[in-house]
């Protein structure tokens, strides 16, 4: 991973270098550069306002981690497309299906490093899954990432 003192351009280059198999369907590509406050919809039960945070330049890095015993995951980084953000969670598009309860790590292009837990996932096209995740607070890193004193 990058040092704390990395430049924004180094981070963007690293994220762009990651494998990203997302194939956005045409209906999503039409307004994919949209940003701003997300309008509420009937039945929306969210307690906090979301901001649409899409765009071809808004890719993030997602680290797969082993978190569900029945679902083997090799630790690996992927590029994903962000969809929206709030102070409690986010939405993104990934080329692979994820499952509720999986815990992973998301690095935004701003350098913000966030532990997340998948809350839901739905297929929106071939190699395109829309995923909703909640930020996890108070999570210690896996044993393999802890420094040994």
N, C-alpha and C. Protein backbone atom coordinates (compact mmCIF):
# COMPACT_ATOMS: atom_id res chain seq x y z
N UNK A 1 0.85 -1.17 0.00
CA UNK A 1 0.00 0.00 0.00
C UNK A 1 0.89 1.23 0.00
N UNK A 2 0.31 2.38 -0.20
CA UNK A 2 1.08 3.61 -0.29
C UNK A 2 1.41 4.18 1.08
N UNK A 3 2.51 4.94 1.16
CA UNK A 3 2.89 5.60 2.41
C UNK A 3 1.90 6.70 2.74
N UNK A 4 1.91 7.13 3.99
CA UNK A 4 1.02 8.20 4.43
C UNK A 4 1.27 9.50 3.67
N UNK A 5 2.50 9.74 3.23
CA UNK A 5 2.84 10.99 2.57
C UNK A 5 2.69 10.93 1.06
N UNK A 6 1.91 10.00 0.54
CA UNK A 6 1.79 9.88 -0.92
C UNK A 6 1.07 11.09 -1.52
N UNK A 7 1.33 11.32 -2.76
CA UNK A 7 0.67 12.39 -3.49
C UNK A 7 -0.66 11.88 -4.04
N UNK A 8 -1.61 12.79 -4.24
CA UNK A 8 -2.92 12.41 -4.78
C UNK A 8 -2.78 11.74 -6.14
N UNK A 9 -1.84 12.21 -6.95
CA UNK A 9 -1.67 11.61 -8.27
C UNK A 9 -1.15 10.18 -8.17
N UNK A 10 -0.30 9.89 -7.17
CA UNK A 10 0.18 8.53 -6.97
C UNK A 10 -0.97 7.62 -6.57
N UNK A 11 -1.85 8.11 -5.72
CA UNK A 11 -3.01 7.33 -5.28
C UNK A 11 -3.93 7.06 -6.46
N UNK A 12 -4.22 8.08 -7.26
CA UNK A 12 -5.09 7.91 -8.43
C UNK A 12 -4.48 6.91 -9.41
N UNK A 13 -3.18 6.99 -9.62
CA UNK A 13 -2.50 6.06 -10.53
C UNK A 13 -2.59 4.63 -10.00
N UNK A 14 -2.42 4.47 -8.68
CA UNK A 14 -2.53 3.14 -8.08
C UNK A 14 -3.94 2.59 -8.26
N UNK A 15 -4.96 3.39 -7.97
CA UNK A 15 -6.34 2.93 -8.11
C UNK A 15 -6.62 2.58 -9.58
N UNK A 16 -6.16 3.41 -10.51
CA UNK A 16 -6.38 3.14 -11.94
C UNK A 16 -5.68 1.86 -12.40
N UNK A 17 -4.61 1.47 -11.72
CA UNK A 17 -3.87 0.27 -12.11
C UNK A 17 -4.54 -1.02 -11.65
N UNK A 18 -5.52 -0.91 -10.75
CA UNK A 18 -6.18 -2.10 -10.20
C UNK A 18 -7.14 -2.71 -11.21
N UNK A 19 -7.28 -4.01 -11.16
CA UNK A 19 -8.22 -4.73 -12.02
C UNK A 19 -9.64 -4.25 -11.71
N UNK A 20 -10.38 -3.90 -12.76
CA UNK A 20 -11.77 -3.47 -12.60
C UNK A 20 -12.57 -4.08 -13.73
N UNK A 21 -13.43 -5.06 -13.40
CA UNK A 21 -14.20 -5.77 -14.43
C UNK A 21 -15.63 -5.27 -14.55
N UNK A 22 -15.94 -4.11 -13.97
CA UNK A 22 -17.29 -3.57 -14.02
C UNK A 22 -17.65 -3.19 -15.46
N UNK A 23 -18.81 -3.65 -15.91
CA UNK A 23 -19.36 -3.26 -17.21
C UNK A 23 -20.69 -2.56 -16.92
N UNK A 24 -20.65 -1.23 -16.92
CA UNK A 24 -21.87 -0.48 -16.63
C UNK A 24 -22.88 -0.66 -17.76
N UNK A 25 -24.15 -0.99 -17.44
CA UNK A 25 -25.18 -1.08 -18.47
C UNK A 25 -25.44 0.30 -19.08
N UNK A 26 -25.93 0.36 -20.33
CA UNK A 26 -26.17 1.65 -20.99
C UNK A 26 -27.01 2.62 -20.17
N UNK A 27 -28.04 2.13 -19.47
CA UNK A 27 -28.90 3.04 -18.69
C UNK A 27 -28.14 3.73 -17.56
N UNK A 28 -27.10 3.10 -17.03
CA UNK A 28 -26.28 3.72 -15.99
C UNK A 28 -25.24 4.66 -16.59
N UNK A 29 -24.71 4.30 -17.76
CA UNK A 29 -23.70 5.13 -18.41
C UNK A 29 -24.23 6.50 -18.79
N UNK A 30 -25.54 6.60 -19.06
CA UNK A 30 -26.15 7.86 -19.52
C UNK A 30 -25.95 9.00 -18.53
N UNK A 31 -26.13 8.75 -17.26
CA UNK A 31 -26.00 9.82 -16.26
C UNK A 31 -24.93 9.51 -15.22
N UNK A 32 -23.87 8.82 -15.65
CA UNK A 32 -22.88 8.38 -14.70
C UNK A 32 -22.01 9.49 -14.15
N UNK A 33 -21.95 10.62 -14.80
CA UNK A 33 -21.12 11.73 -14.31
C UNK A 33 -21.90 12.63 -13.35
N UNK A 34 -23.11 12.24 -12.99
CA UNK A 34 -23.97 13.03 -12.11
C UNK A 34 -23.41 13.08 -10.68
N UNK A 35 -23.49 14.27 -10.07
CA UNK A 35 -23.10 14.43 -8.66
C UNK A 35 -24.13 15.31 -7.96
N UNK A 36 -24.09 15.37 -6.65
CA UNK A 36 -24.98 16.22 -5.88
C UNK A 36 -25.81 15.44 -4.88
N UNK A 37 -26.77 16.11 -4.26
CA UNK A 37 -27.63 15.50 -3.25
C UNK A 37 -28.54 14.48 -3.92
N UNK A 38 -28.65 13.30 -3.32
CA UNK A 38 -29.52 12.25 -3.84
C UNK A 38 -30.94 12.50 -3.39
N UNK A 39 -31.86 12.50 -4.33
CA UNK A 39 -33.27 12.72 -4.00
C UNK A 39 -33.84 11.49 -3.29
N UNK A 40 -34.62 11.71 -2.23
CA UNK A 40 -35.25 10.57 -1.56
C UNK A 40 -36.31 9.95 -2.47
N UNK A 41 -36.63 8.70 -2.24
CA UNK A 41 -37.66 8.02 -3.01
C UNK A 41 -38.63 7.35 -2.06
N UNK A 42 -39.81 7.01 -2.58
CA UNK A 42 -40.83 6.39 -1.76
C UNK A 42 -40.29 5.10 -1.15
N UNK A 43 -40.42 4.94 0.14
CA UNK A 43 -39.95 3.76 0.83
C UNK A 43 -38.51 3.83 1.29
N UNK A 44 -37.83 4.94 1.01
CA UNK A 44 -36.44 5.11 1.43
C UNK A 44 -36.41 5.25 2.95
N UNK A 45 -35.70 4.35 3.62
CA UNK A 45 -35.68 4.35 5.09
C UNK A 45 -34.35 4.84 5.66
N UNK A 46 -33.52 5.39 4.80
CA UNK A 46 -32.23 5.89 5.29
C UNK A 46 -32.44 7.04 6.26
N UNK A 47 -31.55 7.12 7.25
CA UNK A 47 -31.66 8.17 8.27
C UNK A 47 -30.75 9.36 7.97
N UNK A 48 -29.87 9.22 7.00
CA UNK A 48 -28.94 10.30 6.69
C UNK A 48 -28.95 10.60 5.19
N UNK A 49 -28.66 11.84 4.84
CA UNK A 49 -28.63 12.29 3.46
C UNK A 49 -27.46 11.67 2.71
N UNK A 50 -27.69 11.26 1.48
CA UNK A 50 -26.63 10.72 0.64
C UNK A 50 -26.27 11.72 -0.44
N UNK A 51 -25.04 11.67 -0.87
CA UNK A 51 -24.56 12.47 -1.99
C UNK A 51 -24.20 11.54 -3.13
N UNK A 52 -24.72 11.84 -4.32
CA UNK A 52 -24.31 11.07 -5.49
C UNK A 52 -22.86 11.43 -5.77
N UNK A 53 -22.03 10.44 -5.92
CA UNK A 53 -20.59 10.67 -6.07
C UNK A 53 -20.06 9.76 -7.15
N UNK A 54 -20.61 9.94 -8.35
CA UNK A 54 -20.27 9.08 -9.48
C UNK A 54 -19.28 9.75 -10.38
N UNK A 55 -18.84 9.02 -11.36
CA UNK A 55 -18.00 9.57 -12.41
C UNK A 55 -16.85 8.65 -12.73
N UNK A 56 -16.39 8.75 -13.96
CA UNK A 56 -15.30 7.89 -14.39
C UNK A 56 -14.03 8.16 -13.58
N UNK A 57 -13.88 9.37 -13.04
CA UNK A 57 -12.73 9.69 -12.22
C UNK A 57 -12.93 9.37 -10.75
N UNK A 58 -14.04 8.77 -10.40
CA UNK A 58 -14.36 8.47 -9.00
C UNK A 58 -14.26 6.99 -8.71
N UNK A 59 -13.20 6.38 -9.19
CA UNK A 59 -12.97 4.99 -8.84
C UNK A 59 -12.35 4.94 -7.46
N UNK A 60 -12.56 3.84 -6.79
CA UNK A 60 -11.98 3.61 -5.47
C UNK A 60 -11.34 2.22 -5.49
N UNK A 61 -10.57 1.92 -4.46
CA UNK A 61 -9.92 0.62 -4.33
C UNK A 61 -10.66 -0.19 -3.27
N UNK A 62 -10.96 -1.43 -3.59
CA UNK A 62 -11.65 -2.33 -2.67
C UNK A 62 -10.75 -3.53 -2.42
N UNK A 63 -10.49 -3.80 -1.13
CA UNK A 63 -9.70 -4.97 -0.78
C UNK A 63 -10.62 -6.08 -0.32
N UNK A 64 -10.61 -7.19 -1.06
CA UNK A 64 -11.34 -8.38 -0.62
C UNK A 64 -10.61 -8.95 0.57
N UNK A 65 -11.37 -9.37 1.55
CA UNK A 65 -10.82 -10.00 2.75
C UNK A 65 -11.65 -11.21 3.10
N UNK A 66 -11.04 -12.18 3.72
CA UNK A 66 -11.76 -13.35 4.20
C UNK A 66 -12.56 -12.93 5.43
N UNK A 67 -13.88 -12.95 5.34
CA UNK A 67 -14.68 -12.55 6.50
C UNK A 67 -15.85 -13.49 6.77
N UNK A 68 -16.30 -14.24 5.78
CA UNK A 68 -17.35 -15.24 5.99
C UNK A 68 -16.72 -16.62 5.85
N UNK A 69 -16.82 -17.47 6.88
CA UNK A 69 -16.15 -18.77 6.85
C UNK A 69 -16.51 -19.63 5.64
N UNK A 70 -17.75 -19.57 5.19
CA UNK A 70 -18.19 -20.42 4.09
C UNK A 70 -17.84 -19.87 2.71
N UNK A 71 -17.28 -18.67 2.65
CA UNK A 71 -16.98 -18.04 1.38
C UNK A 71 -15.50 -17.67 1.31
N UNK A 72 -14.68 -18.54 0.69
CA UNK A 72 -13.25 -18.23 0.62
C UNK A 72 -12.98 -17.01 -0.27
N UNK A 73 -12.16 -16.09 0.22
CA UNK A 73 -11.74 -14.90 -0.54
C UNK A 73 -10.23 -14.76 -0.38
N UNK A 74 -9.56 -14.64 -1.51
CA UNK A 74 -8.13 -14.34 -1.46
C UNK A 74 -7.98 -12.84 -1.24
N UNK A 75 -7.08 -12.42 -0.36
CA UNK A 75 -6.86 -10.98 -0.18
C UNK A 75 -6.35 -10.41 -1.51
N UNK A 76 -7.10 -9.46 -2.06
CA UNK A 76 -6.76 -8.89 -3.36
C UNK A 76 -7.46 -7.54 -3.52
N UNK A 77 -6.81 -6.62 -4.23
CA UNK A 77 -7.38 -5.30 -4.47
C UNK A 77 -8.06 -5.24 -5.83
N UNK A 78 -9.19 -4.52 -5.91
CA UNK A 78 -9.94 -4.30 -7.13
C UNK A 78 -10.28 -2.82 -7.26
N UNK A 79 -10.46 -2.38 -8.47
CA UNK A 79 -11.01 -1.06 -8.72
C UNK A 79 -12.52 -1.16 -8.77
N UNK A 80 -13.22 -0.24 -8.13
CA UNK A 80 -14.69 -0.18 -8.16
C UNK A 80 -15.11 1.25 -8.49
N UNK A 81 -16.32 1.40 -8.98
CA UNK A 81 -16.87 2.73 -9.26
C UNK A 81 -17.78 3.14 -8.13
N UNK A 82 -17.53 4.30 -7.57
CA UNK A 82 -18.38 4.82 -6.49
C UNK A 82 -19.73 5.25 -7.07
N UNK A 83 -20.77 5.14 -6.24
CA UNK A 83 -22.11 5.57 -6.62
C UNK A 83 -22.57 6.71 -5.72
N UNK A 84 -22.54 6.47 -4.40
CA UNK A 84 -22.96 7.51 -3.47
C UNK A 84 -22.25 7.35 -2.14
N UNK A 85 -22.30 8.42 -1.35
CA UNK A 85 -21.64 8.45 -0.04
C UNK A 85 -22.54 9.15 0.97
N UNK A 86 -22.47 8.72 2.20
CA UNK A 86 -23.07 9.45 3.33
C UNK A 86 -22.06 9.32 4.46
N UNK A 87 -22.36 9.87 5.62
CA UNK A 87 -21.40 9.72 6.71
C UNK A 87 -21.51 8.37 7.41
N UNK A 88 -22.48 7.52 7.00
CA UNK A 88 -22.62 6.20 7.60
C UNK A 88 -22.34 5.06 6.65
N UNK A 89 -22.29 5.34 5.33
CA UNK A 89 -22.08 4.26 4.39
C UNK A 89 -21.88 4.76 2.97
N UNK A 90 -21.88 3.82 2.04
CA UNK A 90 -21.64 4.17 0.65
C UNK A 90 -22.25 3.12 -0.26
N UNK A 91 -22.32 3.47 -1.53
CA UNK A 91 -22.74 2.55 -2.57
C UNK A 91 -21.68 2.56 -3.65
N UNK A 92 -21.46 1.40 -4.27
CA UNK A 92 -20.47 1.32 -5.34
C UNK A 92 -20.84 0.20 -6.29
N UNK A 93 -20.21 0.20 -7.46
CA UNK A 93 -20.41 -0.83 -8.47
C UNK A 93 -19.14 -1.67 -8.55
N UNK A 94 -19.33 -2.99 -8.53
CA UNK A 94 -18.21 -3.92 -8.56
C UNK A 94 -18.51 -4.98 -9.63
N UNK A 95 -17.49 -5.57 -10.19
CA UNK A 95 -17.67 -6.60 -11.20
C UNK A 95 -17.96 -7.97 -10.63
N UNK A 96 -17.89 -8.11 -9.32
CA UNK A 96 -18.16 -9.39 -8.66
C UNK A 96 -19.25 -9.24 -7.60
N UNK A 97 -19.95 -10.33 -7.38
CA UNK A 97 -21.00 -10.33 -6.36
C UNK A 97 -20.37 -10.40 -4.98
N UNK A 98 -20.88 -9.59 -4.07
CA UNK A 98 -20.49 -9.64 -2.66
C UNK A 98 -21.73 -10.03 -1.86
N UNK A 99 -21.52 -10.44 -0.62
CA UNK A 99 -22.62 -10.96 0.19
C UNK A 99 -22.77 -10.16 1.48
N UNK A 100 -24.01 -9.99 1.93
CA UNK A 100 -24.23 -9.27 3.19
C UNK A 100 -23.41 -9.90 4.32
N UNK A 101 -22.79 -9.05 5.10
CA UNK A 101 -21.96 -9.50 6.21
C UNK A 101 -20.48 -9.55 5.89
N UNK A 102 -20.13 -9.53 4.60
CA UNK A 102 -18.70 -9.52 4.26
C UNK A 102 -18.09 -8.20 4.69
N UNK A 103 -16.91 -8.28 5.26
CA UNK A 103 -16.18 -7.08 5.69
C UNK A 103 -14.97 -6.90 4.80
N UNK A 104 -14.85 -5.70 4.29
CA UNK A 104 -13.78 -5.39 3.36
C UNK A 104 -13.22 -4.02 3.67
N UNK A 105 -12.31 -3.58 2.85
CA UNK A 105 -11.66 -2.28 3.04
C UNK A 105 -11.78 -1.49 1.75
N UNK A 106 -12.17 -0.23 1.88
CA UNK A 106 -12.36 0.65 0.73
C UNK A 106 -11.44 1.85 0.90
N UNK A 107 -10.69 2.18 -0.15
CA UNK A 107 -9.83 3.36 -0.14
C UNK A 107 -10.36 4.31 -1.21
N UNK A 108 -10.82 5.48 -0.77
CA UNK A 108 -11.37 6.47 -1.69
C UNK A 108 -10.23 7.21 -2.39
N UNK A 109 -10.52 7.85 -3.52
CA UNK A 109 -9.48 8.60 -4.22
C UNK A 109 -8.93 9.78 -3.42
N UNK A 110 -9.62 10.14 -2.36
CA UNK A 110 -9.14 11.21 -1.47
C UNK A 110 -8.07 10.70 -0.51
N UNK A 111 -7.89 9.37 -0.45
CA UNK A 111 -6.94 8.77 0.48
C UNK A 111 -7.61 8.23 1.73
N UNK A 112 -8.91 8.47 1.89
CA UNK A 112 -9.64 7.98 3.05
C UNK A 112 -9.73 6.46 2.99
N UNK A 113 -9.32 5.82 4.06
CA UNK A 113 -9.28 4.36 4.17
C UNK A 113 -10.41 3.93 5.11
N UNK A 114 -11.38 3.17 4.58
CA UNK A 114 -12.58 2.85 5.34
C UNK A 114 -12.84 1.35 5.44
N UNK A 115 -12.99 0.81 6.65
CA UNK A 115 -13.48 -0.56 6.76
C UNK A 115 -15.00 -0.54 6.51
N UNK A 116 -15.49 -1.48 5.70
CA UNK A 116 -16.92 -1.52 5.37
C UNK A 116 -17.49 -2.91 5.62
N UNK A 117 -18.80 -2.94 5.79
CA UNK A 117 -19.54 -4.21 5.84
C UNK A 117 -20.62 -4.14 4.79
N UNK A 118 -20.66 -5.15 3.92
CA UNK A 118 -21.67 -5.21 2.87
C UNK A 118 -23.03 -5.42 3.50
N UNK A 119 -24.00 -4.60 3.11
CA UNK A 119 -25.37 -4.72 3.62
C UNK A 119 -26.29 -5.37 2.58
N UNK A 120 -26.06 -5.06 1.30
CA UNK A 120 -26.87 -5.64 0.23
C UNK A 120 -26.10 -5.60 -1.08
N UNK A 121 -26.54 -6.42 -2.02
CA UNK A 121 -25.91 -6.49 -3.34
C UNK A 121 -26.98 -6.90 -4.33
N UNK A 122 -27.01 -6.23 -5.49
CA UNK A 122 -27.95 -6.63 -6.54
C UNK A 122 -27.27 -6.52 -7.90
N UNK A 123 -27.59 -7.48 -8.76
CA UNK A 123 -27.04 -7.48 -10.12
C UNK A 123 -27.80 -6.44 -10.94
N UNK A 124 -27.05 -5.58 -11.63
CA UNK A 124 -27.68 -4.58 -12.51
C UNK A 124 -27.27 -4.79 -13.96
N UNK A 125 -26.44 -5.78 -14.21
CA UNK A 125 -26.00 -6.10 -15.57
C UNK A 125 -24.90 -7.12 -15.52
N UNK A 126 -24.44 -7.51 -16.73
CA UNK A 126 -23.34 -8.46 -16.81
C UNK A 126 -22.10 -7.81 -16.22
N UNK A 127 -21.47 -8.49 -15.28
CA UNK A 127 -20.29 -7.97 -14.59
C UNK A 127 -20.54 -6.62 -13.94
N UNK A 128 -21.73 -6.43 -13.41
CA UNK A 128 -22.04 -5.18 -12.72
C UNK A 128 -23.01 -5.43 -11.56
N UNK A 129 -22.48 -5.25 -10.37
CA UNK A 129 -23.29 -5.41 -9.16
C UNK A 129 -23.28 -4.09 -8.41
N UNK A 130 -24.46 -3.65 -8.01
CA UNK A 130 -24.57 -2.45 -7.17
C UNK A 130 -24.55 -2.93 -5.73
N UNK A 131 -23.68 -2.35 -4.93
CA UNK A 131 -23.46 -2.81 -3.56
C UNK A 131 -23.65 -1.66 -2.59
N UNK A 132 -24.38 -1.93 -1.52
CA UNK A 132 -24.54 -0.97 -0.44
C UNK A 132 -23.74 -1.45 0.75
N UNK A 133 -22.97 -0.56 1.35
CA UNK A 133 -22.12 -0.94 2.48
C UNK A 133 -22.22 0.10 3.58
N UNK A 134 -22.01 -0.36 4.79
CA UNK A 134 -22.01 0.50 5.97
C UNK A 134 -20.58 0.59 6.48
N UNK A 135 -20.18 1.80 6.89
CA UNK A 135 -18.85 1.95 7.47
C UNK A 135 -18.83 1.29 8.83
N UNK A 136 -17.74 0.59 9.12
CA UNK A 136 -17.59 -0.13 10.38
C UNK A 136 -16.62 0.66 11.24
N UNK A 137 -17.04 1.00 12.44
CA UNK A 137 -16.16 1.75 13.34
C UNK A 137 -15.64 0.82 14.43
N UNK A 138 -14.45 1.13 14.90
CA UNK A 138 -13.87 0.37 16.01
C UNK A 138 -13.40 -1.01 15.62
N UNK A 139 -13.04 -1.21 14.35
CA UNK A 139 -12.58 -2.52 13.90
C UNK A 139 -11.06 -2.51 13.87
N UNK A 140 -10.47 -3.51 14.50
CA UNK A 140 -9.01 -3.61 14.44
C UNK A 140 -8.64 -4.36 13.18
N UNK A 141 -7.45 -4.07 12.61
CA UNK A 141 -7.03 -4.77 11.40
C UNK A 141 -6.79 -6.24 11.66
N UNK A 142 -6.87 -7.06 10.61
CA UNK A 142 -6.58 -8.49 10.79
C UNK A 142 -5.19 -8.71 11.37
N UNK A 143 -4.99 -9.83 12.01
CA UNK A 143 -3.72 -10.14 12.69
C UNK A 143 -2.54 -9.95 11.74
N UNK A 144 -2.70 -10.30 10.46
CA UNK A 144 -1.59 -10.22 9.51
C UNK A 144 -1.15 -8.78 9.24
N UNK A 145 -2.01 -7.78 9.53
CA UNK A 145 -1.67 -6.39 9.27
C UNK A 145 -1.21 -5.64 10.52
N UNK A 146 -1.31 -6.26 11.67
CA UNK A 146 -0.90 -5.58 12.89
C UNK A 146 0.61 -5.54 12.98
N UNK A 147 1.11 -4.43 13.48
CA UNK A 147 2.56 -4.34 13.64
C UNK A 147 2.99 -5.20 14.81
N UNK A 148 4.15 -5.80 14.67
CA UNK A 148 4.67 -6.64 15.75
C UNK A 148 5.69 -5.82 16.53
N UNK A 149 5.39 -5.56 17.77
CA UNK A 149 6.28 -4.75 18.62
C UNK A 149 7.38 -5.58 19.24
